[in-house]
Amino acid sequence: MIKNDSKVSRKFMAEELEVNEKTISRYIKEIANIRYVGKGKNGHWEIV
């Protein structure tokens, strides 16, 4: 999802995957090459 849309929200990912937002946050922390740049709606995901 992040590859297709760098502005995708955790909430949207959680709804699509039918899991909790905390689960999404935990999964993202486990992936070392993904980070969020910026704040709130003005930010975006980067894959490094």
PDB file of N, CA and C in Angstrom:
ATOM      1  N   MET A   1       0.819  -1.198   0.000  1.00  0.00           N
ATOM      2  CA  MET A   1       0.000   0.000   0.000  1.00  0.00           C
ATOM      3  C   MET A   1       0.862   1.260   0.000  1.00  0.00           C
ATOM      4  N   ILE A   2       1.942   1.236   0.768  1.00  0.00           N
ATOM      5  CA  ILE A   2       2.813   2.404   0.848  1.00  0.00           C
ATOM      6  C   ILE A   2       3.530   2.634  -0.473  1.00  0.00           C
ATOM      7  N   LYS A   3       3.888   1.570  -1.181  1.00  0.00           N
ATOM      8  CA  LYS A   3       4.522   1.729  -2.489  1.00  0.00           C
ATOM      9  C   LYS A   3       3.581   2.403  -3.478  1.00  0.00           C
ATOM     10  N   ASN A   4       2.296   2.063  -3.417  1.00  0.00           N
ATOM     11  CA  ASN A   4       1.314   2.619  -4.344  1.00  0.00           C
ATOM     12  C   ASN A   4       0.911   4.041  -4.009  1.00  0.00           C
ATOM     13  N   ASP A   5       0.885   4.396  -2.710  1.00  0.00           N
ATOM     14  CA  ASP A   5       0.454   5.724  -2.281  1.00  0.00           C
ATOM     15  C   ASP A   5       1.255   6.137  -1.054  1.00  0.00           C
ATOM     16  N   SER A   6       2.199   7.039  -1.226  1.00  0.00           N
ATOM     17  CA  SER A   6       3.075   7.431  -0.114  1.00  0.00           C
ATOM     18  C   SER A   6       2.336   8.250   0.943  1.00  0.00           C
ATOM     19  N   LYS A   7       1.127   8.692   0.653  1.00  0.00           N
ATOM     20  CA  LYS A   7       0.355   9.480   1.613  1.00  0.00           C
ATOM     21  C   LYS A   7      -0.738   8.651   2.289  1.00  0.00           C
ATOM     22  N   VAL A   8      -0.710   7.346   2.129  1.00  0.00           N
ATOM     23  CA  VAL A   8      -1.725   6.487   2.733  1.00  0.00           C
ATOM     24  C   VAL A   8      -1.634   6.568   4.262  1.00  0.00           C
ATOM     25  N   SER A   9      -2.783   6.562   4.926  1.00  0.00           N
ATOM     26  CA  SER A   9      -2.801   6.692   6.383  1.00  0.00           C
ATOM     27  C   SER A   9      -2.819   5.325   7.058  1.00  0.00           C
ATOM     28  N   ARG A  10      -2.391   5.320   8.313  1.00  0.00           N
ATOM     29  CA  ARG A  10      -2.440   4.088   9.103  1.00  0.00           C
ATOM     30  C   ARG A  10      -3.882   3.634   9.265  1.00  0.00           C
ATOM     31  N   LYS A  11      -4.776   4.602   9.423  1.00  0.00           N
ATOM     32  CA  LYS A  11      -6.198   4.284   9.590  1.00  0.00           C
ATOM     33  C   LYS A  11      -6.739   3.559   8.357  1.00  0.00           C
ATOM     34  N   PHE A  12      -6.409   4.059   7.179  1.00  0.00           N
ATOM     35  CA  PHE A  12      -6.862   3.435   5.939  1.00  0.00           C
ATOM     36  C   PHE A  12      -6.302   2.023   5.808  1.00  0.00           C
ATOM     37  N   MET A  13      -5.002   1.867   6.105  1.00  0.00           N
ATOM     38  CA  MET A  13      -4.385   0.542   6.030  1.00  0.00           C
ATOM     39  C   MET A  13      -5.075  -0.425   6.990  1.00  0.00           C
ATOM     40  N   ALA A  14      -5.362   0.052   8.194  1.00  0.00           N
ATOM     41  CA  ALA A  14      -6.016  -0.792   9.195  1.00  0.00           C
ATOM     42  C   ALA A  14      -7.404  -1.221   8.731  1.00  0.00           C
ATOM     43  N   GLU A  15      -8.154  -0.302   8.157  1.00  0.00           N
ATOM     44  CA  GLU A  15      -9.497  -0.625   7.669  1.00  0.00           C
ATOM     45  C   GLU A  15      -9.444  -1.635   6.525  1.00  0.00           C
ATOM     46  N   GLU A  16      -8.526  -1.427   5.592  1.00  0.00           N
ATOM     47  CA  GLU A  16      -8.406  -2.327   4.450  1.00  0.00           C
ATOM     48  C   GLU A  16      -7.970  -3.733   4.862  1.00  0.00           C
ATOM     49  N   LEU A  17      -7.078  -3.821   5.849  1.00  0.00           N
ATOM     50  CA  LEU A  17      -6.551  -5.113   6.280  1.00  0.00           C
ATOM     51  C   LEU A  17      -7.339  -5.717   7.434  1.00  0.00           C
ATOM     52  N   GLU A  18      -8.359  -4.964   7.890  1.00  0.00           N
ATOM     53  CA  GLU A  18      -9.239  -5.403   8.978  1.00  0.00           C
ATOM     54  C   GLU A  18      -8.466  -5.739  10.255  1.00  0.00           C
ATOM     55  N   VAL A  19      -7.552  -4.833  10.612  1.00  0.00           N
ATOM     56  CA  VAL A  19      -6.800  -4.935  11.865  1.00  0.00           C
ATOM     57  C   VAL A  19      -6.842  -3.576  12.555  1.00  0.00           C
ATOM     58  N   ASN A  20      -6.319  -3.530  13.771  1.00  0.00           N
ATOM     59  CA  ASN A  20      -6.278  -2.303  14.552  1.00  0.00           C
ATOM     60  C   ASN A  20      -5.140  -1.403  14.077  1.00  0.00           C
ATOM     61  N   GLU A  21      -5.281  -0.089  14.279  1.00  0.00           N
ATOM     62  CA  GLU A  21      -4.223   0.854  13.910  1.00  0.00           C
ATOM     63  C   GLU A  21      -2.928   0.566  14.656  1.00  0.00           C
ATOM     64  N   LYS A  22      -3.029   0.127  15.906  1.00  0.00           N
ATOM     65  CA  LYS A  22      -1.830  -0.207  16.679  1.00  0.00           C
ATOM     66  C   LYS A  22      -1.077  -1.358  16.026  1.00  0.00           C
ATOM     67  N   THR A  23      -1.801  -2.297  15.446  1.00  0.00           N
ATOM     68  CA  THR A  23      -1.169  -3.423  14.752  1.00  0.00           C
ATOM     69  C   THR A  23      -0.381  -2.912  13.562  1.00  0.00           C
ATOM     70  N   ILE A  24      -0.947  -1.991  12.803  1.00  0.00           N
ATOM     71  CA  ILE A  24      -0.255  -1.396  11.660  1.00  0.00           C
ATOM     72  C   ILE A  24       1.015  -0.696  12.131  1.00  0.00           C
ATOM     73  N   SER A  25       0.922   0.098  13.204  1.00  0.00           N
ATOM     74  CA  SER A  25       2.085   0.808  13.735  1.00  0.00           C
ATOM     75  C   SER A  25       3.176  -0.167  14.147  1.00  0.00           C
ATOM     76  N   ARG A  26       2.786  -1.260  14.774  1.00  0.00           N
ATOM     77  CA  ARG A  26       3.754  -2.271  15.214  1.00  0.00           C
ATOM     78  C   ARG A  26       4.442  -2.915  14.012  1.00  0.00           C
ATOM     79  N   TYR A  27       3.677  -3.247  12.988  1.00  0.00           N
ATOM     80  CA  TYR A  27       4.254  -3.849  11.780  1.00  0.00           C
ATOM     81  C   TYR A  27       5.239  -2.897  11.109  1.00  0.00           C
ATOM     82  N   ILE A  28       4.879  -1.617  11.031  1.00  0.00           N
ATOM     83  CA  ILE A  28       5.732  -0.632  10.378  1.00  0.00           C
ATOM     84  C   ILE A  28       7.045  -0.467  11.148  1.00  0.00           C
ATOM     85  N   LYS A  29       6.987  -0.490  12.481  1.00  0.00           N
ATOM     86  CA  LYS A  29       8.204  -0.381  13.283  1.00  0.00           C
ATOM     87  C   LYS A  29       9.150  -1.543  13.025  1.00  0.00           C
ATOM     88  N   GLU A  30       8.604  -2.714  12.724  1.00  0.00           N
ATOM     89  CA  GLU A  30       9.419  -3.905  12.475  1.00  0.00           C
ATOM     90  C   GLU A  30      10.132  -3.853  11.129  1.00  0.00           C
ATOM     91  N   ILE A  31       9.632  -3.039  10.212  1.00  0.00           N
ATOM     92  CA  ILE A  31      10.236  -2.923   8.886  1.00  0.00           C
ATOM     93  C   ILE A  31      11.209  -1.746   8.915  1.00  0.00           C
ATOM     94  N   ALA A  32      12.482  -2.043   8.830  1.00  0.00           N
ATOM     95  CA  ALA A  32      13.521  -1.026   9.025  1.00  0.00           C
ATOM     96  C   ALA A  32      13.584   0.022   7.919  1.00  0.00           C
ATOM     97  N   ASN A  33      13.169  -0.298   6.707  1.00  0.00           N
ATOM     98  CA  ASN A  33      13.365   0.636   5.594  1.00  0.00           C
ATOM     99  C   ASN A  33      12.143   1.513   5.290  1.00  0.00           C
ATOM    100  N   ILE A  34      11.182   1.587   6.201  1.00  0.00           N
ATOM    101  CA  ILE A  34      10.019   2.461   6.018  1.00  0.00           C
ATOM    102  C   ILE A  34      10.014   3.498   7.130  1.00  0.00           C
ATOM    103  N   ARG A  35       9.839   4.768   6.734  1.00  0.00           N
ATOM    104  CA  ARG A  35       9.743   5.817   7.740  1.00  0.00           C
ATOM    105  C   ARG A  35       8.762   6.887   7.280  1.00  0.00           C
ATOM    106  N   TYR A  36       8.193   7.599   8.244  1.00  0.00           N
ATOM    107  CA  TYR A  36       7.252   8.674   7.961  1.00  0.00           C
ATOM    108  C   TYR A  36       7.986   9.998   8.069  1.00  0.00           C
ATOM    109  N   VAL A  37       7.877  10.823   7.057  1.00  0.00           N
ATOM    110  CA  VAL A  37       8.552  12.113   7.010  1.00  0.00           C
ATOM    111  C   VAL A  37       7.487  13.205   7.079  1.00  0.00           C
ATOM    112  N   GLY A  38       7.676  14.151   7.976  1.00  0.00           N
ATOM    113  CA  GLY A  38       6.722  15.242   8.129  1.00  0.00           C
ATOM    114  C   GLY A  38       5.780  15.003   9.285  1.00  0.00           C
ATOM    115  N   LYS A  39       4.756  15.841   9.358  1.00  0.00           N
ATOM    116  CA  LYS A  39       3.790  15.729  10.445  1.00  0.00           C
ATOM    117  C   LYS A  39       2.375  15.644   9.892  1.00  0.00           C
ATOM    118  N   GLY A  40       1.589  14.800  10.518  1.00  0.00           N
ATOM    119  CA  GLY A  40       0.171  14.720  10.210  1.00  0.00           C
ATOM    120  C   GLY A  40      -0.140  14.544   8.731  1.00  0.00           C
ATOM    121  N   LYS A  41      -1.121  15.294   8.271  1.00  0.00           N
ATOM    122  CA  LYS A  41      -1.569  15.157   6.880  1.00  0.00           C
ATOM    123  C   LYS A  41      -0.564  15.691   5.869  1.00  0.00           C
ATOM    124  N   ASN A  42       0.389  16.493   6.335  1.00  0.00           N
ATOM    125  CA  ASN A  42       1.391  17.060   5.433  1.00  0.00           C
ATOM    126  C   ASN A  42       2.549  16.112   5.192  1.00  0.00           C
ATOM    127  N   GLY A  43       2.630  15.017   5.939  1.00  0.00           N
ATOM    128  CA  GLY A  43       3.741  14.083   5.812  1.00  0.00           C
ATOM    129  C   GLY A  43       3.488  13.009   4.772  1.00  0.00           C
ATOM    130  N   HIS A  44       4.503  12.151   4.594  1.00  0.00           N
ATOM    131  CA  HIS A  44       4.385  11.045   3.654  1.00  0.00           C
ATOM    132  C   HIS A  44       5.347   9.931   4.065  1.00  0.00           C
ATOM    133  N   TRP A  45       5.106   8.750   3.557  1.00  0.00           N
ATOM    134  CA  TRP A  45       5.955   7.590   3.829  1.00  0.00           C
ATOM    135  C   TRP A  45       7.110   7.549   2.850  1.00  0.00           C
ATOM    136  N   GLU A  46       8.274   7.137   3.331  1.00  0.00           N
ATOM    137  CA  GLU A  46       9.431   6.929   2.466  1.00  0.00           C
ATOM    138  C   GLU A  46       9.954   5.516   2.657  1.00  0.00           C
ATOM    139  N   ILE A  47      10.284   4.890   1.548  1.00  0.00           N
ATOM    140  CA  ILE A  47      10.932   3.576   1.582  1.00  0.00           C
ATOM    141  C   ILE A  47      12.384   3.819   1.207  1.00  0.00           C
ATOM    142  N   VAL A  48      13.286   3.544   2.150  1.00  0.00           N
ATOM    143  CA  VAL A  48      14.711   3.816   1.921  1.00  0.00           C
ATOM    144  C   VAL A  48      15.486   2.563   1.594  1.00  0.00           C
TER     145      VAL A  48
END
